[in-house]
Amino acid sequence: PISTNALHEHWFACAYADVFGVAINTAWAEYPHRTDSGILAHSFRKRLSREPSVAELELFKKRFLALHKAAWLQAPQDFAEISGAGKALRSIDAHGGYALVLASGSWRLSARFKLKKAGLPTANLLAAFADDAEARDEIASLAIARASFRYKRSFARTVLVGDSDSDVATARRLGLSF
């Protein structure tokens, strides 16, 4: 719902260099899971043959969020919603016949920050993020499961709305409409 993909990638690369002192491979298509957690974990496995520690992960997330905040202070217009996104979210939520849930390949804190700054109504929205899983399929499945649990029912149809080729591929793999 926000058009910050290119900025997000830039901030990710900057935070990685700032925290770990080396450049990250920014050929994002080469990563098996193009999510924040998937990219970070794959980079660690490939470079260091290990997972990032909890402390390293938290340090990275903190720096990444700081870059978001600094960018917003400098250019808040870069955090604008994609035209019509807020209206669509409010309309779906108000309908009552749908369960609205967010599945994001971004870290929870940075995703919520961007959504809040764009003025999108997501404060009480069920969600799953890169903090929950590395793979988009798992993130989307978890978001759907959370909706099923909250509403105590399964859904006849699930529509994934996204803004990248990864989202299209996820919908296809999970048998969802896009």
N, C-alpha and C. Protein backbone atom coordinates (compact mmCIF):
# COMPACT_ATOMS: atom_id res chain seq x y z
N PRO A 1 0.80 -1.21 0.00
CA PRO A 1 0.00 0.00 0.00
C PRO A 1 0.84 1.28 0.00
N ILE A 2 2.18 1.14 0.12
CA ILE A 2 3.06 2.30 0.12
C ILE A 2 4.15 2.05 -0.91
N SER A 3 4.50 3.08 -1.65
CA SER A 3 5.49 2.88 -2.72
C SER A 3 6.90 3.20 -2.26
N THR A 4 7.40 2.42 -1.30
CA THR A 4 8.75 2.65 -0.78
C THR A 4 9.70 1.49 -1.09
N ASN A 5 9.34 0.61 -2.03
CA ASN A 5 10.17 -0.57 -2.27
C ASN A 5 11.63 -0.23 -2.55
N ALA A 6 11.89 0.70 -3.46
CA ALA A 6 13.28 1.05 -3.80
C ALA A 6 13.99 1.66 -2.59
N LEU A 7 13.30 2.50 -1.85
CA LEU A 7 13.89 3.10 -0.65
C LEU A 7 14.16 2.03 0.41
N HIS A 8 13.23 1.13 0.57
CA HIS A 8 13.38 0.04 1.54
C HIS A 8 14.65 -0.76 1.23
N GLU A 9 14.85 -1.09 -0.01
CA GLU A 9 16.04 -1.84 -0.42
C GLU A 9 17.31 -1.05 -0.12
N HIS A 10 17.27 0.25 -0.39
CA HIS A 10 18.43 1.11 -0.12
C HIS A 10 18.73 1.15 1.38
N TRP A 11 17.69 1.35 2.20
CA TRP A 11 17.89 1.41 3.65
C TRP A 11 18.39 0.07 4.18
N PHE A 12 17.92 -1.02 3.60
CA PHE A 12 18.36 -2.35 4.02
C PHE A 12 19.86 -2.49 3.78
N ALA A 13 20.31 -2.12 2.59
CA ALA A 13 21.73 -2.21 2.25
C ALA A 13 22.57 -1.29 3.13
N CYS A 14 22.08 -0.09 3.40
CA CYS A 14 22.80 0.85 4.26
C CYS A 14 22.90 0.32 5.69
N ALA A 15 21.79 -0.18 6.22
CA ALA A 15 21.79 -0.72 7.59
C ALA A 15 22.75 -1.90 7.69
N TYR A 16 22.77 -2.73 6.68
CA TYR A 16 23.67 -3.90 6.69
C TYR A 16 25.13 -3.43 6.74
N ALA A 17 25.47 -2.48 5.90
CA ALA A 17 26.85 -1.96 5.89
C ALA A 17 27.18 -1.27 7.20
N ASP A 18 26.24 -0.49 7.73
CA ASP A 18 26.48 0.22 8.99
C ASP A 18 26.70 -0.74 10.16
N VAL A 19 25.90 -1.77 10.24
CA VAL A 19 25.92 -2.68 11.38
C VAL A 19 27.01 -3.75 11.26
N PHE A 20 27.17 -4.29 10.05
CA PHE A 20 28.08 -5.42 9.90
C PHE A 20 29.40 -5.06 9.21
N GLY A 21 29.52 -3.81 8.75
CA GLY A 21 30.78 -3.34 8.19
C GLY A 21 31.14 -3.87 6.81
N VAL A 22 30.20 -4.50 6.14
CA VAL A 22 30.43 -5.00 4.78
C VAL A 22 29.19 -4.74 3.93
N ALA A 23 29.39 -4.72 2.64
CA ALA A 23 28.26 -4.52 1.73
C ALA A 23 27.51 -5.84 1.55
N ILE A 24 26.23 -5.73 1.35
CA ILE A 24 25.40 -6.90 1.09
C ILE A 24 25.19 -7.01 -0.42
N ASN A 25 25.03 -8.21 -0.91
CA ASN A 25 24.70 -8.43 -2.31
C ASN A 25 23.30 -7.88 -2.54
N THR A 26 23.17 -6.87 -3.39
CA THR A 26 21.86 -6.25 -3.64
C THR A 26 21.19 -6.79 -4.90
N ALA A 27 21.64 -7.92 -5.38
CA ALA A 27 20.94 -8.61 -6.47
C ALA A 27 19.83 -9.43 -5.79
N TRP A 28 18.77 -8.74 -5.40
CA TRP A 28 17.73 -9.31 -4.54
C TRP A 28 17.11 -10.57 -5.13
N ALA A 29 17.03 -10.66 -6.45
CA ALA A 29 16.42 -11.83 -7.09
C ALA A 29 17.22 -13.11 -6.83
N GLU A 30 18.47 -12.98 -6.40
CA GLU A 30 19.30 -14.15 -6.13
C GLU A 30 19.01 -14.80 -4.78
N TYR A 31 18.24 -14.13 -3.95
CA TYR A 31 17.94 -14.67 -2.63
C TYR A 31 16.75 -15.63 -2.71
N PRO A 32 16.83 -16.76 -2.02
CA PRO A 32 15.72 -17.72 -2.07
C PRO A 32 14.42 -17.14 -1.49
N HIS A 33 14.54 -16.28 -0.49
CA HIS A 33 13.37 -15.65 0.12
C HIS A 33 13.60 -14.15 0.14
N ARG A 34 12.84 -13.42 -0.68
CA ARG A 34 13.01 -11.97 -0.76
C ARG A 34 12.13 -11.29 0.29
N THR A 35 12.52 -11.54 1.53
CA THR A 35 11.90 -10.89 2.69
C THR A 35 13.05 -10.37 3.53
N ASP A 36 12.76 -9.46 4.44
CA ASP A 36 13.84 -8.92 5.29
C ASP A 36 14.56 -10.04 6.03
N SER A 37 13.81 -10.94 6.66
CA SER A 37 14.45 -12.02 7.41
C SER A 37 15.14 -13.01 6.49
N GLY A 38 14.54 -13.28 5.34
CA GLY A 38 15.14 -14.22 4.39
C GLY A 38 16.45 -13.73 3.83
N ILE A 39 16.51 -12.46 3.49
CA ILE A 39 17.73 -11.88 2.94
C ILE A 39 18.84 -11.84 3.99
N LEU A 40 18.50 -11.39 5.18
CA LEU A 40 19.51 -11.30 6.23
C LEU A 40 20.04 -12.69 6.60
N ALA A 41 19.15 -13.64 6.78
CA ALA A 41 19.57 -14.99 7.17
C ALA A 41 20.40 -15.64 6.06
N HIS A 42 19.98 -15.50 4.81
CA HIS A 42 20.73 -16.11 3.71
C HIS A 42 22.12 -15.49 3.61
N SER A 43 22.20 -14.19 3.77
CA SER A 43 23.49 -13.51 3.72
C SER A 43 24.43 -14.05 4.80
N PHE A 44 23.90 -14.22 6.00
CA PHE A 44 24.71 -14.75 7.10
C PHE A 44 25.15 -16.19 6.82
N ARG A 45 24.21 -16.99 6.34
CA ARG A 45 24.55 -18.39 6.06
C ARG A 45 25.64 -18.48 4.99
N LYS A 46 25.50 -17.67 3.96
CA LYS A 46 26.46 -17.71 2.85
C LYS A 46 27.83 -17.17 3.25
N ARG A 47 27.84 -16.05 3.97
CA ARG A 47 29.09 -15.39 4.37
C ARG A 47 29.77 -16.01 5.57
N LEU A 48 28.97 -16.32 6.57
CA LEU A 48 29.53 -16.73 7.86
C LEU A 48 29.19 -18.17 8.27
N SER A 49 28.42 -18.85 7.44
CA SER A 49 28.00 -20.24 7.73
C SER A 49 27.28 -20.36 9.07
N ARG A 50 26.47 -19.36 9.38
CA ARG A 50 25.69 -19.40 10.62
C ARG A 50 24.50 -18.46 10.52
N GLU A 51 23.62 -18.57 11.46
CA GLU A 51 22.46 -17.68 11.57
C GLU A 51 22.90 -16.41 12.31
N PRO A 52 22.22 -15.28 12.05
CA PRO A 52 22.54 -14.10 12.86
C PRO A 52 22.09 -14.33 14.31
N SER A 53 22.84 -13.79 15.25
CA SER A 53 22.45 -13.92 16.66
C SER A 53 21.27 -12.99 16.93
N VAL A 54 20.62 -13.21 18.04
CA VAL A 54 19.51 -12.35 18.44
C VAL A 54 20.00 -10.91 18.58
N ALA A 55 21.17 -10.73 19.18
CA ALA A 55 21.73 -9.39 19.36
C ALA A 55 22.02 -8.73 18.00
N GLU A 56 22.58 -9.47 17.07
CA GLU A 56 22.87 -8.92 15.73
C GLU A 56 21.58 -8.55 15.01
N LEU A 57 20.59 -9.40 15.13
CA LEU A 57 19.30 -9.16 14.50
C LEU A 57 18.65 -7.89 15.06
N GLU A 58 18.66 -7.75 16.36
CA GLU A 58 18.06 -6.57 16.99
C GLU A 58 18.82 -5.30 16.65
N LEU A 59 20.13 -5.38 16.60
CA LEU A 59 20.95 -4.22 16.23
C LEU A 59 20.65 -3.79 14.80
N PHE A 60 20.52 -4.77 13.92
CA PHE A 60 20.19 -4.47 12.52
C PHE A 60 18.81 -3.82 12.42
N LYS A 61 17.81 -4.41 13.05
CA LYS A 61 16.45 -3.86 13.00
C LYS A 61 16.41 -2.44 13.54
N LYS A 62 17.14 -2.20 14.62
CA LYS A 62 17.17 -0.86 15.22
C LYS A 62 17.76 0.15 14.24
N ARG A 63 18.85 -0.20 13.59
CA ARG A 63 19.47 0.71 12.62
C ARG A 63 18.57 0.90 11.41
N PHE A 64 17.97 -0.17 10.95
CA PHE A 64 17.07 -0.12 9.79
C PHE A 64 15.89 0.82 10.07
N LEU A 65 15.30 0.70 11.25
CA LEU A 65 14.19 1.58 11.62
C LEU A 65 14.68 3.02 11.75
N ALA A 66 15.87 3.23 12.29
CA ALA A 66 16.41 4.59 12.41
C ALA A 66 16.56 5.24 11.03
N LEU A 67 16.96 4.47 10.04
CA LEU A 67 17.06 5.00 8.67
C LEU A 67 15.69 5.37 8.12
N HIS A 68 14.69 4.58 8.42
CA HIS A 68 13.32 4.91 8.02
C HIS A 68 12.89 6.24 8.64
N LYS A 69 13.15 6.38 9.94
CA LYS A 69 12.73 7.59 10.65
C LYS A 69 13.45 8.81 10.11
N ALA A 70 14.74 8.70 9.86
CA ALA A 70 15.50 9.83 9.32
C ALA A 70 15.00 10.19 7.93
N ALA A 71 14.68 9.21 7.13
CA ALA A 71 14.17 9.46 5.77
C ALA A 71 12.81 10.14 5.83
N TRP A 72 11.97 9.70 6.77
CA TRP A 72 10.65 10.31 6.89
C TRP A 72 10.77 11.79 7.31
N LEU A 73 11.67 12.07 8.23
CA LEU A 73 11.87 13.46 8.66
C LEU A 73 12.34 14.33 7.50
N GLN A 74 13.15 13.75 6.63
CA GLN A 74 13.71 14.49 5.50
C GLN A 74 12.73 14.61 4.34
N ALA A 75 11.95 13.57 4.09
CA ALA A 75 11.05 13.57 2.92
C ALA A 75 9.79 12.77 3.22
N PRO A 76 8.88 13.32 4.04
CA PRO A 76 7.67 12.58 4.40
C PRO A 76 6.81 12.19 3.20
N GLN A 77 6.92 12.94 2.12
CA GLN A 77 6.14 12.63 0.93
C GLN A 77 6.52 11.26 0.34
N ASP A 78 7.70 10.77 0.65
CA ASP A 78 8.11 9.45 0.15
C ASP A 78 7.35 8.31 0.83
N PHE A 79 6.60 8.63 1.87
CA PHE A 79 5.86 7.61 2.61
C PHE A 79 4.36 7.66 2.30
N ALA A 80 4.02 8.26 1.19
CA ALA A 80 2.61 8.37 0.81
C ALA A 80 2.07 7.01 0.38
N GLU A 81 0.80 6.82 0.64
CA GLU A 81 0.16 5.58 0.21
C GLU A 81 0.08 5.52 -1.31
N ILE A 82 0.03 4.31 -1.83
CA ILE A 82 -0.27 4.14 -3.25
C ILE A 82 -1.70 4.61 -3.42
N SER A 83 -1.96 5.39 -4.43
CA SER A 83 -3.28 5.99 -4.64
C SER A 83 -4.41 4.97 -4.46
N GLY A 84 -5.31 5.27 -3.55
CA GLY A 84 -6.48 4.44 -3.32
C GLY A 84 -6.31 3.33 -2.30
N ALA A 85 -5.09 3.11 -1.81
CA ALA A 85 -4.85 2.00 -0.88
C ALA A 85 -5.65 2.17 0.42
N GLY A 86 -5.62 3.37 0.99
CA GLY A 86 -6.34 3.62 2.23
C GLY A 86 -7.83 3.45 2.05
N LYS A 87 -8.35 3.97 0.96
CA LYS A 87 -9.78 3.84 0.66
C LYS A 87 -10.16 2.37 0.52
N ALA A 88 -9.34 1.61 -0.16
CA ALA A 88 -9.61 0.18 -0.35
C ALA A 88 -9.60 -0.55 1.00
N LEU A 89 -8.60 -0.29 1.83
CA LEU A 89 -8.52 -0.94 3.14
C LEU A 89 -9.74 -0.61 4.00
N ARG A 90 -10.12 0.67 4.03
CA ARG A 90 -11.27 1.07 4.83
C ARG A 90 -12.57 0.44 4.30
N SER A 91 -12.70 0.36 2.99
CA SER A 91 -13.88 -0.22 2.37
C SER A 91 -13.99 -1.71 2.68
N ILE A 92 -12.88 -2.43 2.56
CA ILE A 92 -12.88 -3.87 2.87
C ILE A 92 -13.20 -4.08 4.34
N ASP A 93 -12.60 -3.29 5.21
CA ASP A 93 -12.81 -3.42 6.64
C ASP A 93 -14.26 -3.11 7.01
N ALA A 94 -14.85 -2.10 6.39
CA ALA A 94 -16.21 -1.69 6.71
C ALA A 94 -17.25 -2.67 6.17
N HIS A 95 -16.92 -3.41 5.15
CA HIS A 95 -17.87 -4.32 4.51
C HIS A 95 -18.41 -5.35 5.48
N GLY A 96 -17.56 -5.87 6.32
CA GLY A 96 -18.00 -6.85 7.31
C GLY A 96 -18.02 -8.28 6.81
N GLY A 97 -18.06 -8.49 5.52
CA GLY A 97 -18.08 -9.83 4.97
C GLY A 97 -16.70 -10.37 4.67
N TYR A 98 -15.70 -9.56 4.94
CA TYR A 98 -14.34 -9.95 4.64
C TYR A 98 -13.47 -9.88 5.90
N ALA A 99 -12.44 -10.67 5.92
CA ALA A 99 -11.45 -10.58 6.98
C ALA A 99 -10.22 -9.95 6.35
N LEU A 100 -9.82 -8.83 6.84
CA LEU A 100 -8.67 -8.11 6.32
C LEU A 100 -7.45 -8.45 7.17
N VAL A 101 -6.37 -8.89 6.53
CA VAL A 101 -5.16 -9.26 7.25
C VAL A 101 -3.97 -8.86 6.40
N LEU A 102 -2.90 -8.47 7.05
CA LEU A 102 -1.70 -8.01 6.37
C LEU A 102 -0.62 -9.08 6.43
N ALA A 103 0.01 -9.35 5.30
CA ALA A 103 1.16 -10.26 5.23
C ALA A 103 2.27 -9.46 4.56
N SER A 104 3.36 -9.24 5.29
CA SER A 104 4.44 -8.40 4.76
C SER A 104 5.79 -9.09 4.90
N GLY A 105 6.59 -8.96 3.85
CA GLY A 105 7.95 -9.46 3.88
C GLY A 105 8.91 -8.52 4.60
N SER A 106 8.38 -7.45 5.15
CA SER A 106 9.18 -6.49 5.92
C SER A 106 9.16 -6.86 7.40
N TRP A 107 10.13 -6.31 8.14
CA TRP A 107 10.12 -6.47 9.59
C TRP A 107 8.89 -5.76 10.14
N ARG A 108 8.36 -6.24 11.22
CA ARG A 108 7.15 -5.68 11.85
C ARG A 108 7.30 -4.18 12.13
N LEU A 109 8.40 -3.79 12.80
CA LEU A 109 8.56 -2.38 13.19
C LEU A 109 8.64 -1.44 11.99
N SER A 110 9.41 -1.81 10.98
CA SER A 110 9.53 -0.92 9.82
C SER A 110 8.25 -0.90 9.00
N ALA A 111 7.58 -2.04 8.87
CA ALA A 111 6.32 -2.07 8.12
C ALA A 111 5.27 -1.21 8.82
N ARG A 112 5.13 -1.39 10.12
CA ARG A 112 4.14 -0.60 10.87
C ARG A 112 4.47 0.89 10.83
N PHE A 113 5.76 1.22 10.89
CA PHE A 113 6.18 2.62 10.81
C PHE A 113 5.73 3.23 9.48
N LYS A 114 6.02 2.55 8.38
CA LYS A 114 5.66 3.06 7.06
C LYS A 114 4.15 3.19 6.90
N LEU A 115 3.42 2.18 7.36
CA LEU A 115 1.96 2.22 7.24
C LEU A 115 1.37 3.36 8.06
N LYS A 116 1.90 3.57 9.25
CA LYS A 116 1.43 4.66 10.10
C LYS A 116 1.71 6.01 9.46
N LYS A 117 2.92 6.19 8.94
CA LYS A 117 3.28 7.47 8.33
C LYS A 117 2.48 7.75 7.06
N ALA A 118 2.03 6.69 6.41
CA ALA A 118 1.19 6.86 5.22
C ALA A 118 -0.26 7.11 5.59
N GLY A 119 -0.56 7.00 6.88
CA GLY A 119 -1.92 7.25 7.34
C GLY A 119 -2.88 6.10 7.05
N LEU A 120 -2.36 4.90 6.87
CA LEU A 120 -3.22 3.77 6.56
C LEU A 120 -3.78 3.16 7.84
N PRO A 121 -5.03 2.73 7.79
CA PRO A 121 -5.73 2.22 8.99
C PRO A 121 -5.33 0.78 9.30
N THR A 122 -4.21 0.60 9.98
CA THR A 122 -3.73 -0.75 10.24
C THR A 122 -3.41 -1.02 11.71
N ALA A 123 -3.77 -0.13 12.59
CA ALA A 123 -3.40 -0.27 14.01
C ALA A 123 -3.87 -1.59 14.61
N ASN A 124 -5.10 -2.01 14.35
CA ASN A 124 -5.64 -3.23 14.93
C ASN A 124 -5.71 -4.38 13.94
N LEU A 125 -5.07 -4.21 12.81
CA LEU A 125 -5.12 -5.20 11.75
C LEU A 125 -4.30 -6.45 12.09
N LEU A 126 -4.89 -7.60 11.91
CA LEU A 126 -4.14 -8.85 12.04
C LEU A 126 -3.02 -8.84 11.02
N ALA A 127 -1.88 -9.41 11.38
CA ALA A 127 -0.75 -9.35 10.46
C ALA A 127 0.27 -10.45 10.73
N ALA A 128 1.08 -10.71 9.71
CA ALA A 128 2.26 -11.57 9.84
C ALA A 128 3.37 -10.85 9.08
N PHE A 129 4.59 -10.94 9.60
CA PHE A 129 5.71 -10.19 9.04
C PHE A 129 6.93 -11.09 8.87
N ALA A 130 7.99 -10.50 8.36
CA ALA A 130 9.26 -11.21 8.19
C ALA A 130 9.81 -11.67 9.53
N ASP A 131 9.39 -11.08 10.62
CA ASP A 131 9.80 -11.53 11.96
C ASP A 131 9.26 -12.93 12.23
N ASP A 132 8.16 -13.28 11.58
CA ASP A 132 7.47 -14.54 11.83
C ASP A 132 8.00 -15.70 10.98
N ALA A 133 8.54 -15.40 9.81
CA ALA A 133 9.04 -16.44 8.90
C ALA A 133 9.91 -15.80 7.82
N GLU A 134 10.76 -16.61 7.20
CA GLU A 134 11.61 -16.11 6.11
C GLU A 134 10.88 -16.13 4.76
N ALA A 135 10.08 -17.16 4.52
CA ALA A 135 9.44 -17.34 3.22
C ALA A 135 8.11 -16.61 3.14
N ARG A 136 7.86 -15.96 2.01
CA ARG A 136 6.60 -15.26 1.80
C ARG A 136 5.41 -16.20 1.92
N ASP A 137 5.57 -17.42 1.41
CA ASP A 137 4.47 -18.40 1.50
C ASP A 137 4.09 -18.63 2.96
N GLU A 138 5.10 -18.78 3.81
CA GLU A 138 4.84 -19.02 5.24
C GLU A 138 4.22 -17.79 5.89
N ILE A 139 4.69 -16.61 5.52
CA ILE A 139 4.14 -15.37 6.08
C ILE A 139 2.67 -15.24 5.69
N ALA A 140 2.36 -15.45 4.42
CA ALA A 140 0.97 -15.36 3.95
C ALA A 140 0.10 -16.43 4.61
N SER A 141 0.60 -17.65 4.70
CA SER A 141 -0.16 -18.74 5.33
C SER A 141 -0.42 -18.44 6.80
N LEU A 142 0.56 -17.88 7.47
CA LEU A 142 0.40 -17.52 8.88
C LEU A 142 -0.65 -16.42 9.03
N ALA A 143 -0.62 -15.43 8.15
CA ALA A 143 -1.62 -14.36 8.21
C ALA A 143 -3.03 -14.92 8.02
N ILE A 144 -3.19 -15.83 7.07
CA ILE A 144 -4.48 -16.46 6.82
C ILE A 144 -4.92 -17.28 8.04
N ALA A 145 -3.99 -18.03 8.61
CA ALA A 145 -4.30 -18.83 9.80
C ALA A 145 -4.73 -17.95 10.96
N ARG A 146 -4.09 -16.81 11.11
CA ARG A 146 -4.47 -15.88 12.20
C ARG A 146 -5.88 -15.35 12.00
N ALA A 147 -6.23 -15.08 10.74
CA ALA A 147 -7.59 -14.61 10.45
C ALA A 147 -8.59 -15.73 10.74
N SER A 148 -8.28 -16.95 10.33
CA SER A 148 -9.17 -18.09 10.60
C SER A 148 -9.37 -18.28 12.10
N PHE A 149 -8.28 -18.15 12.86
CA PHE A 149 -8.35 -18.30 14.30
C PHE A 149 -9.20 -17.19 14.93
N ARG A 150 -8.94 -15.95 14.54
CA ARG A 150 -9.69 -14.83 15.14
C ARG A 150 -11.18 -14.93 14.83
N TYR A 151 -11.51 -15.23 13.57
CA TYR A 151 -12.90 -15.24 13.16
C TYR A 151 -13.55 -16.62 13.31
N LYS A 152 -12.77 -17.59 13.78
CA LYS A 152 -13.25 -18.94 14.05
C LYS A 152 -13.96 -19.56 12.85
N ARG A 153 -13.32 -19.39 11.67
CA ARG A 153 -13.87 -20.00 10.46
C ARG A 153 -12.80 -20.04 9.38
N SER A 154 -13.05 -20.86 8.39
CA SER A 154 -12.18 -20.86 7.22
C SER A 154 -12.85 -19.98 6.16
N PHE A 155 -12.13 -19.64 5.15
CA PHE A 155 -12.64 -18.72 4.14
C PHE A 155 -12.75 -19.41 2.79
N ALA A 156 -13.85 -19.14 2.11
CA ALA A 156 -14.10 -19.77 0.81
C ALA A 156 -13.12 -19.25 -0.24
N ARG A 157 -12.70 -18.02 -0.08
CA ARG A 157 -11.82 -17.42 -1.07
C ARG A 157 -10.85 -16.47 -0.39
N THR A 158 -9.61 -16.51 -0.79
CA THR A 158 -8.60 -15.60 -0.27
C THR A 158 -7.96 -14.88 -1.44
N VAL A 159 -7.88 -13.57 -1.33
CA VAL A 159 -7.27 -12.75 -2.38
C VAL A 159 -6.04 -12.08 -1.80
N LEU A 160 -4.91 -12.29 -2.44
CA LEU A 160 -3.68 -11.65 -2.02
C LEU A 160 -3.52 -10.38 -2.86
N VAL A 161 -3.33 -9.27 -2.20
CA VAL A 161 -3.10 -8.00 -2.89
C VAL A 161 -1.65 -7.63 -2.63
N GLY A 162 -0.89 -7.37 -3.67
CA GLY A 162 0.52 -7.07 -3.49
C GLY A 162 1.05 -6.13 -4.54
N ASP A 163 2.36 -5.88 -4.44
CA ASP A 163 2.96 -4.91 -5.35
C ASP A 163 4.26 -5.40 -5.98
N SER A 164 4.48 -6.73 -5.97
CA SER A 164 5.73 -7.21 -6.55
C SER A 164 5.52 -8.57 -7.23
N ASP A 165 6.50 -8.94 -8.03
CA ASP A 165 6.44 -10.25 -8.67
C ASP A 165 6.49 -11.36 -7.63
N SER A 166 7.13 -11.12 -6.50
CA SER A 166 7.15 -12.11 -5.41
C SER A 166 5.75 -12.35 -4.87
N ASP A 167 4.94 -11.31 -4.82
CA ASP A 167 3.56 -11.46 -4.33
C ASP A 167 2.73 -12.28 -5.31
N VAL A 168 2.92 -12.04 -6.60
CA VAL A 168 2.21 -12.81 -7.62
C VAL A 168 2.60 -14.29 -7.51
N ALA A 169 3.89 -14.55 -7.37
CA ALA A 169 4.38 -15.93 -7.27
C ALA A 169 3.85 -16.60 -6.00
N THR A 170 3.78 -15.86 -4.91
CA THR A 170 3.26 -16.41 -3.66
C THR A 170 1.80 -16.81 -3.84
N ALA A 171 1.02 -15.93 -4.42
CA ALA A 171 -0.40 -16.24 -4.66
C ALA A 171 -0.54 -17.50 -5.52
N ARG A 172 0.25 -17.59 -6.55
CA ARG A 172 0.21 -18.76 -7.43
C ARG A 172 0.56 -20.04 -6.66
N ARG A 173 1.66 -20.00 -5.90
CA ARG A 173 2.10 -21.19 -5.16
C ARG A 173 1.05 -21.64 -4.13
N LEU A 174 0.37 -20.67 -3.51
CA LEU A 174 -0.62 -21.01 -2.47
C LEU A 174 -2.03 -21.23 -3.02
N GLY A 175 -2.18 -21.05 -4.34
CA GLY A 175 -3.49 -21.25 -4.95
C GLY A 175 -4.48 -20.15 -4.61
N LEU A 176 -3.97 -18.92 -4.41
CA LEU A 176 -4.81 -17.79 -4.05
C LEU A 176 -5.09 -16.91 -5.27
N SER A 177 -6.17 -16.19 -5.22
CA SER A 177 -6.43 -15.17 -6.25
C SER A 177 -5.48 -14.02 -6.00
N PHE A 178 -5.18 -13.25 -7.02
CA PHE A 178 -4.30 -12.09 -6.88
C PHE A 178 -4.99 -10.88 -7.45
